[in-house]
């Protein structure tokens, strides 16, 4: 708004939002359920205390919002097969990034984690209109316990105790 001599301003953003303010400001259009761009007429009426008014209007094109949404398993035991998918439509570009490195550009991301640990998966999407969005998903691979079992002998007579020893790596609890 670069109006001069105005004391009050009436904004009509063309989407059922009206603002009466001194100068104006930013307005975010909410784009619900539309697959194609829509046109909105923005109208400004400026007036001063003596009743003089001026009115201007312009057209703004509003594009559909990009929404990055990754759906799938985000944790599991090693070997953990992480498969996440983008669910949406009308995208121009999809990019998966795993721990900062580009990992793919298809609608589905797949990786196998053989060691326990945390990873960060980011999905960035953009529409043909240049609108972008990004979501970050933590992935967790839990280390599968490793077991070594030693038997005193391969066979024993009924009623004779058989010594068993074991070593477990990566388990919270051992049940014998």
Protein backbone atom coordinates (compact mmCIF):
# COMPACT_ATOMS: atom_id res chain seq x y z
CA UNK A 1 0.00 0.00 0.00
CA UNK A 2 1.61 3.26 -1.17
CA UNK A 3 -1.50 5.41 -0.76
CA UNK A 4 -1.11 9.05 0.20
CA UNK A 5 -3.58 11.21 2.12
CA UNK A 6 -5.46 8.13 3.36
CA UNK A 7 -6.42 7.84 7.01
CA UNK A 8 -8.29 4.54 6.90
CA UNK A 9 -7.93 1.56 4.65
CA UNK A 10 -10.36 -1.25 3.86
CA UNK A 11 -8.82 -4.41 2.39
CA UNK A 12 -10.86 -7.14 0.70
CA UNK A 13 -8.58 -10.05 -0.18
CA UNK A 14 -11.14 -11.84 -2.34
CA UNK A 15 -11.30 -14.91 -0.10
CA UNK A 16 -13.87 -13.79 2.50
CA UNK A 17 -11.15 -12.09 4.58
CA UNK A 18 -11.58 -8.37 5.11
CA UNK A 19 -9.23 -6.15 7.06
CA UNK A 20 -9.77 -2.56 8.21
CA UNK A 21 -6.39 -1.17 9.19
CA UNK A 22 -4.14 1.84 8.98
CA UNK A 23 -1.75 0.52 6.34
CA UNK A 24 -2.27 -3.12 5.48
CA UNK A 25 0.14 -6.00 5.61
CA UNK A 26 0.76 -9.54 4.58
CA UNK A 27 -2.08 -11.94 3.90
CA UNK A 28 -1.77 -15.71 3.55
CA UNK A 29 -4.26 -17.41 1.30
CA UNK A 30 -5.55 -20.77 2.48
CA UNK A 31 -5.83 -23.15 -0.43
CA UNK A 32 -8.27 -25.95 0.36
CA UNK A 33 -9.10 -28.81 -1.95
CA UNK A 34 -8.17 -27.04 -5.15
CA UNK A 35 -5.91 -28.83 -7.63
CA UNK A 36 -5.47 -25.86 -9.97
CA UNK A 37 -4.52 -22.25 -9.34
CA UNK A 38 -7.34 -19.86 -8.47
CA UNK A 39 -7.64 -16.13 -9.11
CA UNK A 40 -8.54 -13.75 -6.29
CA UNK A 41 -9.42 -10.08 -6.65
CA UNK A 42 -7.70 -7.89 -4.05
CA UNK A 43 -9.44 -4.59 -3.44
CA UNK A 44 -8.25 -1.60 -1.39
CA UNK A 45 -10.40 1.38 -0.47
CA UNK A 46 -8.58 4.36 1.09
CA UNK A 47 -10.42 7.31 2.64
CA UNK A 48 -9.76 10.29 4.87
CA UNK A 49 -11.81 12.18 7.45
CA UNK A 50 -13.40 14.54 4.89
CA UNK A 51 -15.01 11.60 3.08
CA UNK A 52 -12.83 11.47 -0.03
CA UNK A 53 -12.07 7.91 -1.15
CA UNK A 54 -10.08 6.10 -3.77
CA UNK A 55 -10.36 2.48 -4.74
CA UNK A 56 -7.98 0.14 -6.53
CA UNK A 57 -8.07 -3.55 -7.25
CA UNK A 58 -5.76 -6.17 -8.68
CA UNK A 59 -5.80 -9.89 -9.39
CA UNK A 60 -3.58 -12.36 -7.57
CA UNK A 61 -3.10 -15.97 -8.69
CA UNK A 62 -2.97 -18.43 -5.79
CA UNK A 63 -1.22 -21.77 -6.37
CA UNK A 64 -1.89 -25.06 -4.59
CA UNK A 65 0.30 -25.64 -1.57
CA UNK A 66 2.96 -28.35 -1.67
CA UNK A 67 2.57 -30.81 1.21
CA UNK A 68 5.44 -33.16 2.06
CA UNK A 69 4.10 -36.24 3.79
CA UNK A 70 6.19 -39.38 4.28
CA UNK A 71 4.24 -42.51 5.29
CA UNK A 72 5.80 -45.78 6.46
CA UNK A 73 7.74 -47.59 9.19
CA UNK A 74 10.27 -45.36 10.94
CA UNK A 75 11.85 -47.86 13.35
CA UNK A 76 12.70 -51.53 13.57
CA UNK A 77 15.29 -54.13 14.50
CA UNK A 78 18.37 -54.68 12.35
CA UNK A 79 18.38 -55.51 9.60
CA UNK A 80 15.71 -52.79 9.38
CA UNK A 81 14.13 -52.29 5.95
CA UNK A 82 12.79 -48.73 5.98
CA UNK A 83 10.23 -48.08 3.27
CA UNK A 84 8.53 -44.71 3.23
CA UNK A 85 6.32 -43.26 0.53
CA UNK A 86 5.12 -39.83 -0.51
CA UNK A 87 1.35 -39.79 -0.73
CA UNK A 88 0.03 -36.93 -2.80
CA UNK A 89 -0.21 -35.69 -6.35
CA UNK A 90 0.65 -32.93 -8.78
CA UNK A 91 4.33 -32.72 -7.91
CA UNK A 92 7.10 -31.50 -10.14
CA UNK A 93 9.97 -32.74 -7.99
CA UNK A 94 10.54 -35.16 -5.10
CA UNK A 95 13.83 -35.46 -3.26
CA UNK A 96 14.71 -37.78 -0.38
CA UNK A 97 17.78 -36.89 1.69
CA UNK A 98 19.28 -39.34 4.21
CA UNK A 99 21.62 -37.81 6.80
CA UNK A 100 22.26 -34.86 4.48
CA UNK A 101 23.02 -36.90 1.33
CA UNK A 102 20.61 -37.15 -1.60
CA UNK A 103 19.05 -40.60 -1.47
CA UNK A 104 16.46 -40.63 -4.26
CA UNK A 105 13.85 -38.83 -6.32
CA UNK A 106 11.06 -41.40 -6.65
CA UNK A 107 7.78 -41.45 -4.73
CA UNK A 108 9.12 -44.28 -2.54
CA UNK A 109 12.26 -44.39 -0.40
CA UNK A 110 13.82 -47.70 0.64
CA UNK A 111 16.95 -48.38 2.69
CA UNK A 112 18.24 -51.28 4.77
CA UNK A 113 19.97 -50.50 8.06
CA UNK A 114 22.27 -53.29 9.25
CA UNK A 115 23.64 -51.47 12.30
CA UNK A 116 21.72 -49.89 15.15
CA UNK A 117 21.48 -46.12 15.30
CA UNK A 118 19.57 -42.96 14.45
CA UNK A 119 19.23 -41.44 10.99
CA UNK A 120 17.41 -38.42 9.63
CA UNK A 121 15.33 -38.68 6.47
CA UNK A 122 14.06 -35.51 4.79
CA UNK A 123 11.46 -35.35 2.03
CA UNK A 124 11.32 -32.19 -0.06
CA UNK A 125 8.57 -31.74 -2.65
CA UNK A 126 7.78 -28.97 -5.11
CA UNK A 127 4.78 -28.33 -7.33
CA UNK A 128 4.89 -27.32 -10.99
CA UNK A 129 4.17 -23.77 -9.72
CA UNK A 130 7.33 -23.59 -7.61
CA UNK A 131 5.68 -24.08 -4.20
CA UNK A 132 7.82 -26.26 -1.88
CA UNK A 133 7.51 -28.07 1.42
CA UNK A 134 9.78 -30.30 3.49
CA UNK A 135 9.25 -32.81 6.27
CA UNK A 136 11.95 -34.46 8.38
CA UNK A 137 11.45 -37.97 9.74
CA UNK A 138 13.71 -39.63 12.34
CA UNK A 139 14.58 -43.26 11.54
CA UNK A 140 15.75 -45.62 14.29
CA UNK A 141 17.36 -49.01 13.77
CA UNK A 142 17.59 -51.04 16.96
CA UNK A 143 20.55 -53.41 17.14
CA UNK A 144 19.38 -57.02 17.17
CA UNK A 145 20.99 -58.93 20.06
CA UNK A 146 23.82 -61.31 19.14
CA UNK A 147 23.96 -64.63 20.99
CA UNK A 148 26.76 -67.13 21.41
CA UNK A 149 25.85 -70.40 23.09
CA UNK A 150 28.29 -73.03 24.34
CA UNK A 151 27.31 -76.50 25.48
CA UNK A 152 29.52 -78.62 27.78
CA UNK A 153 28.66 -81.64 25.64
CA UNK A 154 26.52 -82.43 22.60
CA UNK A 155 24.62 -85.14 24.50
CA UNK A 156 23.72 -86.02 28.09
CA UNK A 157 21.97 -88.82 29.90
CA UNK A 158 18.56 -88.12 31.36
CA UNK A 159 18.91 -86.69 34.86
CA UNK A 160 22.51 -85.59 34.30
CA UNK A 161 23.06 -81.81 34.49
CA UNK A 162 24.42 -80.25 31.30
CA UNK A 163 26.41 -77.03 31.67
CA UNK A 164 25.24 -74.25 29.32
CA UNK A 165 27.06 -70.97 28.91
CA UNK A 166 26.04 -68.02 26.81
CA UNK A 167 27.19 -64.57 25.83
CA UNK A 168 24.66 -61.97 24.70
CA UNK A 169 25.59 -58.64 23.13
CA UNK A 170 23.05 -55.84 22.81
CA UNK A 171 20.18 -57.27 24.91
CA UNK A 172 18.44 -55.51 27.78
CA UNK A 173 17.36 -58.79 29.32
CA UNK A 174 18.38 -62.47 29.03
CA UNK A 175 15.87 -65.26 29.70
CA UNK A 176 17.14 -68.82 30.22
